[in-house]
Amino acid sequence: MTYFASSGIESFANNLFATVNNAIASVLFVDVLFWRDGVQFPLAVAWLIVGALFLTIKMRLVNLRFFRHAILLTMGKYDKAEDQGEVSHFKALATALSATVGLGNIAGVAIAVSLGGPGATFWMIIAGLLGMSSKFSECTLAQMYRQTESSGHILGGPMLYLNSAFSERGLPAIGKAIAILFAILCIFGSYGGGGSFQVNQSLNAIAEVFPFFIDNKWVYGILMSVLVAIVIIGGLRRIANVTDKIVPLMCGLYLIMSLYVLSLNIHLIPSALYQIVNEAFSPDALYGGFLGALITGFKRAAFSNEAGMGSAAIAHSAAKVEYPVQEGIVALLEPFIDTVVICTMTALVIIITGAYNNPEYAALIQANNGAALTSRALGHINSFFPIILSFIVFLFAYSTIISWSYYGERSFTFIFGPKYSLVYKISLITVIFLGSVTTSTHILEFGDLVILSMAFPNLIGVYLLSGKVRKALDEYTGFLKSGKVKRTS
């Protein structure tokens, strides 16, 4: 035992996360919608599924119709020098992606396949495709209702459009209360899934390669805390300048490694795809098979791509645009890249290597140690891959934490004002350290709860204002057809 463990810090951290987790669950009643045959259906998952379906239909398949246009916008093909905002389309996308492309793509997917079987992958993909419409809607609203502070920084996101959604209906007090609720949950989300989960799971993967950290977790916690502090003190522009370099690097490395593994086992891919589809609709033990896969798939996809949570809307509110809809269209790429591409790659590796049901890894699965499980799976293919993965997960975790720090700071500022932003940053750095010495299960439960809970207030605002988004989308579609909106390069 290290000094830190024996001094009670690990016990304190575990109790802290468990207490906060229970308190939030008790207040919001988000644990269970119904249960049967031992399968629990979380209310948050049902809320996300219904919301994503509604918005996909309401926006007339915007996720498919504007996919190519989203790529062109991200490439700057429609940029104008006079567009208002703090960062470019690409930097806003990179900042938001760095928050979503994290340990959820590696650890979360491994946990999903282990708990829900290969069929969970199918529902992750469906959740990613539907989530593109949710992401489009919330990020368009963030642009519509953003404000510029006296410091020149832009404040936007669900905090503002929730306030407006009710104020426009003569209920400003309710709007303010729900906006504050979202901000509080977002702050806790940055502590949980956006902070402590990232440092905890990346530590698990790195400890597979560097055993020193097994008994010296606090060293990794301090290292990550210091590196995060160096960046987040500088605000959004410094965060964006870091993430737009890290995101392409880490995604590229991970995809290359995953594609290499899949190419060596290309003959097993058809069988894996059959398992994914077949077990997604497993008739055996309907509630334990079909619903188990669906719930696990949607839950892990939501945690990974955050569509419907409103978090990415905070980053996209600061992008330079001519029309708010443009940033919503750029944002719809995130769930596709994050879930449909990267999460599917991880799932195929886990399924093809058989790591998800390997008895040797039962302890890792029981402890929700998904990052280490993925590391072991890759290690079976090439003994050098766990070393590469340890570097990648460090980048994943680091970029996610610094991006979520911006979401949390903006939410904290909304409640307490800009002059207290440093208080939030210090608290986040403290929680990051505590995450390194806390058990994975406590972190996973806490991260799931607070991030999924953000969908409740956020989607209320999106529902109420969806008519405005649809009207703006139809108008923008007309501008494209008439030539009023033209490519600039």
Protein backbone atom coordinates (compact mmCIF):
# COMPACT_ATOMS: atom_id res chain seq x y z
CA MET A 1 0.00 0.00 0.00
CA THR A 2 1.22 3.46 -0.81
CA TYR A 3 1.20 6.36 1.58
CA PHE A 4 -1.78 7.87 -0.21
CA ALA A 5 -3.87 4.69 -0.04
CA SER A 6 -2.99 4.03 3.63
CA SER A 7 -3.71 7.64 4.60
CA GLY A 8 -7.32 7.17 3.56
CA ILE A 9 -7.40 9.25 0.36
CA GLU A 10 -8.57 6.30 -1.72
CA SER A 11 -11.34 5.51 0.77
CA PHE A 12 -12.32 9.18 0.92
CA ALA A 13 -12.51 9.42 -2.90
CA ASN A 14 -14.63 6.25 -3.18
CA ASN A 15 -17.05 7.46 -0.51
CA LEU A 16 -17.24 10.93 -2.07
CA PHE A 17 -18.18 9.66 -5.55
CA ALA A 18 -20.65 7.12 -4.13
CA THR A 19 -22.35 9.76 -1.94
CA VAL A 20 -22.72 12.30 -4.75
CA ASN A 21 -23.94 9.56 -7.09
CA ASN A 22 -26.66 8.48 -4.65
CA ALA A 23 -27.70 12.06 -3.95
CA ILE A 24 -28.18 12.93 -7.64
CA ALA A 25 -30.03 9.67 -8.33
CA SER A 26 -32.38 10.32 -5.41
CA VAL A 27 -33.18 13.87 -6.49
CA LEU A 28 -33.67 13.21 -10.22
CA PHE A 29 -35.22 9.73 -10.08
CA VAL A 30 -33.22 8.69 -13.15
CA ASP A 31 -32.31 5.16 -12.11
CA VAL A 32 -35.10 3.03 -13.59
CA LEU A 33 -38.12 3.50 -15.84
CA PHE A 34 -39.24 -0.12 -15.58
CA TRP A 35 -37.73 -3.53 -15.05
CA ARG A 36 -38.60 -7.10 -15.99
CA ASP A 37 -36.74 -10.37 -15.76
CA GLY A 38 -33.93 -8.54 -14.00
CA VAL A 39 -33.35 -6.02 -16.83
CA GLN A 40 -33.50 -2.36 -15.85
CA PHE A 41 -34.41 0.29 -18.42
CA PRO A 42 -33.00 3.66 -17.27
CA LEU A 43 -35.32 6.61 -17.79
CA ALA A 44 -32.43 8.63 -19.25
CA VAL A 45 -31.91 6.06 -22.02
CA ALA A 46 -35.61 6.08 -22.95
CA TRP A 47 -35.58 9.89 -22.95
CA LEU A 48 -32.61 9.94 -25.34
CA ILE A 49 -34.08 7.37 -27.71
CA VAL A 50 -37.41 9.19 -27.99
CA GLY A 51 -35.66 12.56 -28.40
CA ALA A 52 -33.32 11.34 -31.12
CA LEU A 53 -36.16 9.70 -33.07
CA PHE A 54 -38.35 12.81 -32.76
CA LEU A 55 -35.61 15.16 -33.98
CA THR A 56 -34.56 12.89 -36.84
CA ILE A 57 -38.13 12.91 -38.13
CA LYS A 58 -38.73 16.60 -37.33
CA MET A 59 -35.57 17.66 -39.19
CA ARG A 60 -36.37 15.34 -42.12
CA LEU A 61 -33.24 13.17 -41.90
CA VAL A 62 -30.85 16.11 -41.60
CA ASN A 63 -28.25 13.56 -40.47
CA LEU A 64 -28.19 12.04 -43.96
CA ARG A 65 -29.21 14.94 -46.22
CA PHE A 66 -26.50 17.33 -45.05
CA PHE A 67 -23.63 14.91 -44.41
CA ARG A 68 -21.57 16.02 -47.43
CA HIS A 69 -22.32 19.70 -46.76
CA ALA A 70 -21.09 19.23 -43.18
CA ILE A 71 -17.72 18.07 -44.49
CA LEU A 72 -17.44 21.08 -46.82
CA LEU A 73 -18.31 23.49 -44.00
CA THR A 74 -15.71 21.91 -41.74
CA MET A 75 -13.10 22.29 -44.48
CA GLY A 76 -13.83 26.03 -44.54
CA LYS A 77 -15.33 26.02 -48.04
CA TYR A 78 -18.06 28.46 -46.97
CA ASP A 79 -16.06 30.61 -44.51
CA LYS A 80 -16.15 34.40 -44.70
CA ALA A 81 -13.77 36.84 -43.04
CA GLU A 82 -16.65 38.77 -41.48
CA ASP A 83 -18.19 35.74 -39.74
CA GLN A 84 -18.63 36.39 -36.00
CA GLY A 85 -17.18 34.11 -33.32
CA GLU A 86 -14.03 33.05 -31.49
CA VAL A 87 -12.90 29.92 -33.35
CA SER A 88 -13.25 28.29 -36.77
CA HIS A 89 -15.66 25.47 -37.65
CA PHE A 90 -12.81 22.99 -37.53
CA LYS A 91 -11.50 24.15 -34.15
CA ALA A 92 -14.98 24.07 -32.65
CA LEU A 93 -15.47 20.56 -34.05
CA ALA A 94 -12.03 19.49 -32.78
CA THR A 95 -12.78 20.87 -29.31
CA ALA A 96 -16.14 19.09 -29.17
CA LEU A 97 -14.67 15.89 -30.64
CA SER A 98 -11.84 15.91 -28.14
CA ALA A 99 -14.48 15.88 -25.41
CA THR A 100 -16.43 13.02 -26.98
CA VAL A 101 -13.60 10.95 -28.49
CA GLY A 102 -12.10 9.71 -25.27
CA LEU A 103 -11.97 6.68 -23.05
CA GLY A 104 -15.65 6.06 -23.78
CA ASN A 105 -14.55 4.89 -27.23
CA ILE A 106 -12.05 2.42 -25.82
CA ALA A 107 -13.06 1.57 -22.26
CA GLY A 108 -16.77 2.26 -22.66
CA VAL A 109 -17.16 0.12 -25.77
CA ALA A 110 -15.27 -2.78 -24.20
CA ILE A 111 -17.60 -2.56 -21.20
CA ALA A 112 -20.67 -2.39 -23.48
CA VAL A 113 -19.74 -5.51 -25.46
CA SER A 114 -18.80 -7.37 -22.27
CA LEU A 115 -22.10 -6.55 -20.57
CA GLY A 116 -24.53 -6.43 -23.50
CA GLY A 117 -22.82 -8.84 -25.89
CA PRO A 118 -21.88 -8.13 -29.53
CA GLY A 119 -25.48 -7.02 -30.17
CA ALA A 120 -24.84 -3.86 -28.15
CA THR A 121 -22.61 -2.70 -31.02
CA PHE A 122 -25.60 -2.58 -33.40
CA TRP A 123 -27.52 -0.32 -31.04
CA MET A 124 -24.46 1.86 -30.51
CA ILE A 125 -24.35 2.45 -34.27
CA ILE A 126 -28.10 3.22 -34.42
CA ALA A 127 -27.70 5.58 -31.46
CA GLY A 128 -24.84 7.32 -33.25
CA LEU A 129 -26.84 7.82 -36.46
CA LEU A 130 -29.91 9.11 -34.63
CA GLY A 131 -27.75 11.20 -32.32
CA MET A 132 -26.54 13.20 -35.32
CA SER A 133 -29.96 14.88 -35.45
CA SER A 134 -29.90 15.64 -31.71
CA LYS A 135 -26.43 17.14 -32.01
CA PHE A 136 -27.49 19.25 -35.00
CA SER A 137 -30.49 20.68 -33.13
CA GLU A 138 -28.75 21.57 -29.88
CA CYS A 139 -25.72 23.14 -31.56
CA THR A 140 -27.91 25.23 -33.87
CA LEU A 141 -29.78 26.53 -30.81
CA ALA A 142 -26.47 27.30 -29.09
CA GLN A 143 -25.60 29.61 -31.98
CA MET A 144 -29.04 31.22 -32.04
CA TYR A 145 -29.03 32.15 -28.36
CA ARG A 146 -25.35 32.81 -27.62
CA GLN A 147 -24.21 35.98 -25.87
CA THR A 148 -20.94 37.90 -25.82
CA GLU A 149 -19.60 38.73 -22.36
CA SER A 150 -17.94 42.04 -21.45
CA SER A 151 -14.58 40.22 -21.64
CA GLY A 152 -15.26 39.42 -25.30
CA HIS A 153 -15.70 35.70 -24.66
CA ILE A 154 -18.83 34.00 -25.96
CA LEU A 155 -21.22 32.26 -23.58
CA GLY A 156 -23.64 29.82 -25.15
CA GLY A 157 -25.26 26.45 -24.75
CA PRO A 158 -28.31 24.94 -23.07
CA MET A 159 -28.03 27.37 -20.16
CA LEU A 160 -29.10 30.17 -22.49
CA TYR A 161 -31.57 28.49 -24.80
CA LEU A 162 -33.32 26.77 -21.89
CA ASN A 163 -33.76 30.17 -20.27
CA SER A 164 -35.15 31.62 -23.50
CA ALA A 165 -37.42 28.66 -24.28
CA PHE A 166 -39.47 29.29 -21.15
CA SER A 167 -39.10 33.08 -21.09
CA GLU A 168 -40.64 33.26 -24.56
CA ARG A 169 -43.64 31.42 -23.10
CA GLY A 170 -43.98 33.77 -20.16
CA LEU A 171 -42.27 31.47 -17.66
CA PRO A 172 -38.87 33.09 -17.01
CA ALA A 173 -38.54 31.75 -13.45
CA ILE A 174 -38.94 28.14 -14.62
CA GLY A 175 -36.51 28.76 -17.46
CA LYS A 176 -33.90 30.13 -15.09
CA ALA A 177 -34.32 27.21 -12.68
CA ILE A 178 -33.96 24.56 -15.42
CA ALA A 179 -30.99 26.41 -16.93
CA ILE A 180 -29.26 26.42 -13.55
CA LEU A 181 -30.07 22.71 -13.12
CA PHE A 182 -28.39 21.96 -16.43
CA ALA A 183 -25.36 24.06 -15.49
CA ILE A 184 -25.00 22.21 -12.17
CA LEU A 185 -25.22 18.83 -13.90
CA CYS A 186 -22.69 19.95 -16.52
CA ILE A 187 -20.26 20.97 -13.80
CA PHE A 188 -20.62 17.54 -12.18
CA GLY A 189 -20.37 15.98 -15.65
CA SER A 190 -16.98 17.61 -16.09
CA TYR A 191 -15.96 16.15 -12.73
CA GLY A 192 -17.27 12.67 -13.59
CA GLY A 193 -17.34 11.42 -17.19
CA GLY A 194 -15.34 14.36 -18.48
CA GLY A 195 -12.64 14.25 -15.80
CA SER A 196 -12.31 11.48 -13.24
CA PHE A 197 -13.48 8.70 -15.62
CA GLN A 198 -10.86 9.74 -18.17
CA VAL A 199 -7.93 9.77 -15.76
CA ASN A 200 -9.11 6.55 -14.09
CA GLN A 201 -9.52 4.48 -17.25
CA SER A 202 -6.38 5.84 -18.93
CA LEU A 203 -4.44 4.92 -15.79
CA ASN A 204 -5.79 1.36 -16.03
CA ALA A 205 -4.52 1.01 -19.60
CA ILE A 206 -1.16 2.62 -18.89
CA ALA A 207 -0.64 0.45 -15.80
CA GLU A 208 -0.89 -2.59 -18.11
CA VAL A 209 2.37 -1.42 -19.70
CA PHE A 210 3.97 0.46 -16.80
CA PRO A 211 3.28 -1.57 -13.61
CA PHE A 212 4.84 1.22 -11.52
CA PHE A 213 1.47 3.00 -11.58
CA ILE A 214 -0.41 0.04 -10.08
CA ASP A 215 0.84 0.90 -6.59
CA ASN A 216 1.52 4.57 -7.31
CA LYS A 217 -1.73 5.81 -8.82
CA TRP A 218 -1.33 9.17 -7.16
CA VAL A 219 1.76 9.90 -9.28
CA TYR A 220 -0.31 9.62 -12.45
CA GLY A 221 -3.06 11.73 -10.86
CA ILE A 222 -0.63 14.53 -10.07
CA LEU A 223 0.95 14.36 -13.54
CA MET A 224 -2.41 14.63 -15.30
CA SER A 225 -3.57 17.40 -12.96
CA VAL A 226 -0.51 19.52 -13.70
CA LEU A 227 -0.72 19.02 -17.48
CA VAL A 228 -4.41 19.92 -17.48
CA ALA A 229 -3.83 23.02 -15.38
CA ILE A 230 -1.22 24.31 -17.83
CA VAL A 231 -3.80 24.39 -20.64
CA ILE A 232 -7.15 25.21 -19.02
CA ILE A 233 -5.93 28.40 -17.36
CA GLY A 234 -5.61 29.89 -20.87
CA GLY A 235 -9.27 29.58 -21.88
CA LEU A 236 -10.98 28.41 -25.07
CA ARG A 237 -8.43 29.65 -27.61
CA ARG A 238 -5.59 27.76 -25.96
CA ILE A 239 -7.80 24.69 -25.55
CA ALA A 240 -8.79 24.84 -29.24
CA ASN A 241 -5.16 25.29 -30.33
CA VAL A 242 -4.22 22.12 -28.42
CA THR A 243 -7.21 19.98 -29.40
CA ASP A 244 -7.06 20.72 -33.13
CA LYS A 245 -3.60 19.11 -33.13
CA ILE A 246 -4.25 16.25 -30.69
CA VAL A 247 -7.59 15.04 -32.14
CA PRO A 248 -6.37 14.18 -35.68
CA LEU A 249 -3.23 12.54 -34.22
CA MET A 250 -4.96 10.35 -31.66
CA CYS A 251 -7.85 9.38 -33.95
CA GLY A 252 -5.45 8.58 -36.79
CA LEU A 253 -3.19 6.42 -34.65
CA TYR A 254 -6.06 4.50 -33.13
CA LEU A 255 -7.76 3.87 -36.46
CA ILE A 256 -4.50 2.69 -38.06
CA MET A 257 -3.88 0.25 -35.21
CA SER A 258 -7.48 -1.01 -35.27
CA LEU A 259 -7.48 -1.39 -39.06
CA TYR A 260 -4.23 -3.37 -38.84
CA VAL A 261 -5.80 -5.76 -36.32
CA LEU A 262 -8.90 -6.15 -38.48
CA SER A 263 -6.86 -6.68 -41.66
CA LEU A 264 -5.00 -9.57 -40.01
CA ASN A 265 -8.35 -11.11 -39.10
CA ILE A 266 -10.34 -10.05 -42.14
CA HIS A 267 -11.75 -13.55 -42.50
CA LEU A 268 -13.42 -13.19 -39.10
CA ILE A 269 -15.16 -9.87 -39.85
CA PRO A 270 -18.24 -11.36 -41.59
CA SER A 271 -18.79 -13.65 -38.61
CA ALA A 272 -18.40 -10.72 -36.20
CA LEU A 273 -20.89 -8.61 -38.17
CA TYR A 274 -23.35 -11.50 -38.15
CA GLN A 275 -22.98 -11.77 -34.36
CA ILE A 276 -23.58 -8.03 -33.99
CA VAL A 277 -26.82 -8.06 -35.99
CA ASN A 278 -28.09 -11.44 -34.81
CA GLU A 279 -27.55 -10.77 -31.11
CA ALA A 280 -29.03 -7.27 -31.39
CA PHE A 281 -32.39 -8.98 -31.92
CA SER A 282 -31.71 -12.10 -29.89
CA PRO A 283 -34.99 -14.00 -29.33
CA ASP A 284 -33.43 -15.88 -26.42
CA ALA A 285 -34.52 -14.35 -23.13
CA LEU A 286 -36.04 -11.35 -24.92
CA TYR A 287 -35.66 -8.93 -22.06
CA GLY A 288 -32.17 -10.07 -21.18
CA GLY A 289 -31.01 -10.34 -24.80
CA PHE A 290 -32.68 -7.72 -27.00
CA LEU A 291 -33.33 -5.13 -24.30
CA GLY A 292 -30.02 -5.81 -22.60
CA ALA A 293 -28.13 -5.14 -25.83
CA LEU A 294 -30.29 -2.11 -26.73
CA ILE A 295 -29.98 -0.45 -23.31
CA THR A 296 -26.25 -1.09 -23.02
CA GLY A 297 -25.62 0.06 -26.60
CA PHE A 298 -27.57 3.31 -26.28
CA LYS A 299 -26.16 4.03 -22.84
CA ARG A 300 -22.53 3.63 -23.86
CA ALA A 301 -23.09 5.48 -27.16
CA ALA A 302 -24.69 8.38 -25.30
CA PHE A 303 -21.80 8.50 -22.86
CA SER A 304 -19.35 8.45 -25.77
CA ASN A 305 -20.85 10.91 -28.29
CA GLU A 306 -22.92 12.99 -25.81
CA ALA A 307 -25.66 13.67 -28.38
CA GLY A 308 -28.66 15.07 -26.55
CA MET A 309 -26.61 16.05 -23.49
CA GLY A 310 -26.03 19.63 -24.63
CA SER A 311 -22.33 19.63 -23.72
CA ALA A 312 -20.97 20.04 -27.26
CA ALA A 313 -23.35 22.95 -27.84
CA ILE A 314 -21.21 24.99 -25.44
CA ALA A 315 -18.13 24.60 -27.66
CA HIS A 316 -20.00 25.10 -30.93
CA SER A 317 -21.63 28.30 -29.68
CA ALA A 318 -18.24 30.03 -30.03
CA ALA A 319 -17.66 29.12 -33.70
CA LYS A 320 -17.53 31.71 -36.44
CA VAL A 321 -20.64 31.42 -38.60
CA GLU A 322 -22.88 33.36 -40.93
CA TYR A 323 -25.96 31.25 -40.21
CA PRO A 324 -26.52 29.36 -36.91
CA VAL A 325 -27.65 26.28 -38.84
CA GLN A 326 -24.19 25.94 -40.36
CA GLU A 327 -22.64 25.08 -37.02
CA GLY A 328 -25.39 22.58 -36.28
CA ILE A 329 -24.60 20.89 -39.59
CA VAL A 330 -20.89 20.75 -38.73
CA ALA A 331 -21.73 19.29 -35.31
CA LEU A 332 -23.71 16.37 -36.74
CA LEU A 333 -20.40 14.86 -37.87
CA GLU A 334 -19.40 14.21 -34.26
CA PRO A 335 -21.63 11.20 -33.45
CA PHE A 336 -20.73 9.67 -36.81
CA ILE A 337 -16.98 9.96 -36.25
CA ASP A 338 -17.16 9.10 -32.58
CA THR A 339 -19.66 6.24 -32.52
CA VAL A 340 -20.26 4.91 -36.03
CA VAL A 341 -16.55 4.85 -36.91
CA ILE A 342 -14.33 4.73 -33.81
CA CYS A 343 -16.63 2.84 -31.40
CA THR A 344 -17.40 0.26 -34.09
CA MET A 345 -13.67 -0.29 -34.66
CA THR A 346 -13.15 -0.98 -30.96
CA ALA A 347 -16.16 -3.30 -30.81
CA LEU A 348 -14.94 -5.35 -33.78
CA VAL A 349 -11.50 -5.74 -32.18
CA ILE A 350 -13.07 -6.85 -28.87
CA ILE A 351 -15.39 -9.33 -30.63
CA ILE A 352 -12.85 -10.77 -33.08
CA THR A 353 -10.24 -11.35 -30.38
CA GLY A 354 -12.89 -12.87 -28.09
CA ALA A 355 -11.81 -10.64 -25.23
CA TYR A 356 -15.40 -9.79 -24.23
CA ASN A 357 -16.14 -13.34 -23.02
CA ASN A 358 -12.65 -14.64 -22.23
CA PRO A 359 -12.72 -16.23 -18.73
CA GLU A 360 -9.16 -14.95 -18.17
CA TYR A 361 -10.49 -11.40 -18.20
CA ALA A 362 -13.45 -11.97 -15.89
CA ALA A 363 -11.87 -9.81 -13.17
CA LEU A 364 -11.38 -6.89 -15.58
CA ILE A 365 -14.97 -7.14 -16.79
CA GLN A 366 -16.31 -7.40 -13.25
CA ALA A 367 -14.35 -4.28 -12.27
CA ASN A 368 -15.56 -2.35 -15.39
CA ASN A 369 -11.92 -1.96 -16.41
CA GLY A 370 -12.62 -1.54 -20.12
CA ALA A 371 -9.37 0.19 -21.05
CA ALA A 372 -7.27 -2.67 -19.70
CA LEU A 373 -9.56 -5.17 -21.45
CA THR A 374 -8.96 -3.46 -24.81
CA SER A 375 -5.24 -3.39 -24.08
CA ARG A 376 -5.21 -7.15 -23.44
CA ALA A 377 -7.19 -7.77 -26.64
CA LEU A 378 -4.67 -5.80 -28.71
CA GLY A 379 -1.78 -7.46 -26.91
CA HIS A 380 -2.89 -10.82 -28.27
CA ILE A 381 -2.33 -9.50 -31.80
CA ASN A 382 0.92 -7.67 -31.20
CA SER A 383 2.83 -7.32 -27.93
CA PHE A 384 3.80 -3.77 -28.89
CA PHE A 385 0.20 -2.58 -29.33
CA PRO A 386 -0.52 -2.08 -25.59
CA ILE A 387 2.39 0.39 -25.51
CA ILE A 388 0.93 2.32 -28.45
CA LEU A 389 -2.52 2.15 -26.86
CA SER A 390 -1.18 3.56 -23.58
CA PHE A 391 0.08 6.61 -25.49
CA ILE A 392 -3.23 6.96 -27.36
CA VAL A 393 -5.41 6.66 -24.25
CA PHE A 394 -3.31 9.28 -22.55
CA LEU A 395 -4.03 11.67 -25.43
CA PHE A 396 -7.71 10.65 -25.43
CA ALA A 397 -8.02 11.30 -21.72
CA TYR A 398 -6.03 14.53 -21.76
CA SER A 399 -7.94 16.10 -24.65
CA THR A 400 -11.30 15.07 -23.19
CA ILE A 401 -10.51 16.56 -19.79
CA ILE A 402 -9.37 19.93 -21.14
CA SER A 403 -12.42 20.20 -23.40
CA TRP A 404 -14.82 19.26 -20.62
CA SER A 405 -13.07 21.80 -18.41
CA TYR A 406 -14.35 24.46 -20.81
CA TYR A 407 -17.91 23.13 -20.57
CA GLY A 408 -17.73 23.07 -16.80
CA GLU A 409 -16.14 26.52 -16.61
CA ARG A 410 -18.81 28.06 -18.87
CA SER A 411 -21.54 26.47 -16.74
CA PHE A 412 -19.87 27.66 -13.54
CA THR A 413 -19.60 31.16 -15.00
CA PHE A 414 -23.29 31.13 -15.90
CA ILE A 415 -24.21 30.55 -12.26
CA PHE A 416 -21.55 32.46 -10.34
CA GLY A 417 -20.07 34.94 -12.83
CA PRO A 418 -16.70 35.14 -14.65
CA LYS A 419 -14.66 36.27 -11.66
CA TYR A 420 -15.08 32.86 -9.98
CA SER A 421 -13.95 30.74 -12.92
CA LEU A 422 -10.60 30.04 -11.24
CA VAL A 423 -12.45 28.43 -8.32
CA TYR A 424 -13.97 25.93 -10.74
CA LYS A 425 -10.63 25.16 -12.41
CA ILE A 426 -8.99 24.43 -9.05
CA SER A 427 -11.87 22.16 -8.04
CA LEU A 428 -11.63 20.26 -11.34
CA ILE A 429 -7.91 19.69 -10.93
CA THR A 430 -8.58 18.31 -7.44
CA VAL A 431 -11.24 15.91 -8.73
CA ILE A 432 -8.91 14.72 -11.50
CA PHE A 433 -6.41 13.69 -8.86
CA LEU A 434 -9.11 11.92 -6.81
CA GLY A 435 -10.21 10.06 -9.94
CA SER A 436 -6.81 8.41 -10.18
CA VAL A 437 -7.19 6.72 -6.78
CA THR A 438 -10.88 5.77 -7.02
CA THR A 439 -12.22 2.37 -8.12
CA SER A 440 -13.44 2.13 -11.72
CA THR A 441 -16.98 1.05 -10.83
CA HIS A 442 -17.59 4.13 -8.67
CA ILE A 443 -16.29 6.37 -11.44
CA LEU A 444 -18.35 4.66 -14.15
CA GLU A 445 -21.59 4.91 -12.17
CA PHE A 446 -20.98 8.54 -11.25
CA GLY A 447 -19.98 9.53 -14.80
CA ASP A 448 -22.97 7.77 -16.35
CA LEU A 449 -25.44 9.31 -13.96
CA VAL A 450 -24.44 12.96 -14.23
CA ILE A 451 -23.82 13.01 -17.98
CA LEU A 452 -27.00 11.10 -18.86
CA SER A 453 -28.94 13.34 -16.45
CA MET A 454 -27.91 16.39 -18.50
CA ALA A 455 -30.23 15.14 -21.25
CA PHE A 456 -33.34 15.79 -19.15
CA PRO A 457 -33.19 19.58 -18.97
CA ASN A 458 -31.38 19.92 -22.30
CA LEU A 459 -33.92 18.03 -24.42
CA ILE A 460 -36.80 19.93 -22.83
CA GLY A 461 -35.37 23.10 -24.36
CA VAL A 462 -34.63 21.39 -27.67
CA TYR A 463 -38.22 20.07 -27.87
CA LEU A 464 -39.72 23.48 -27.14
CA LEU A 465 -37.50 25.25 -29.69
CA SER A 466 -37.41 22.51 -32.34
CA GLY A 467 -39.86 24.47 -34.50
CA LYS A 468 -37.38 27.35 -34.71
CA VAL A 469 -34.59 25.00 -35.67
CA ARG A 470 -36.71 23.39 -38.40
CA LYS A 471 -37.69 26.81 -39.75
CA ALA A 472 -34.03 27.93 -39.82
CA LEU A 473 -33.01 24.69 -41.54
CA ASP A 474 -35.69 25.07 -44.23
CA GLU A 475 -34.63 28.67 -44.78
CA TYR A 476 -30.97 27.71 -45.10
CA THR A 477 -31.87 24.90 -47.51
CA GLY A 478 -33.60 27.50 -49.66
CA PHE A 479 -30.52 29.74 -49.58
CA LEU A 480 -28.35 26.86 -50.77
CA LYS A 481 -30.71 26.06 -53.63
CA SER A 482 -31.08 29.70 -54.71
CA GLY A 483 -27.32 30.35 -54.59
CA LYS A 484 -27.54 32.95 -51.80
CA VAL A 485 -25.13 30.77 -49.80
CA LYS A 486 -22.11 30.05 -51.99
CA ARG A 487 -18.75 28.38 -51.58
CA THR A 488 -15.92 30.82 -50.96
CA SER A 489 -13.11 28.43 -51.83
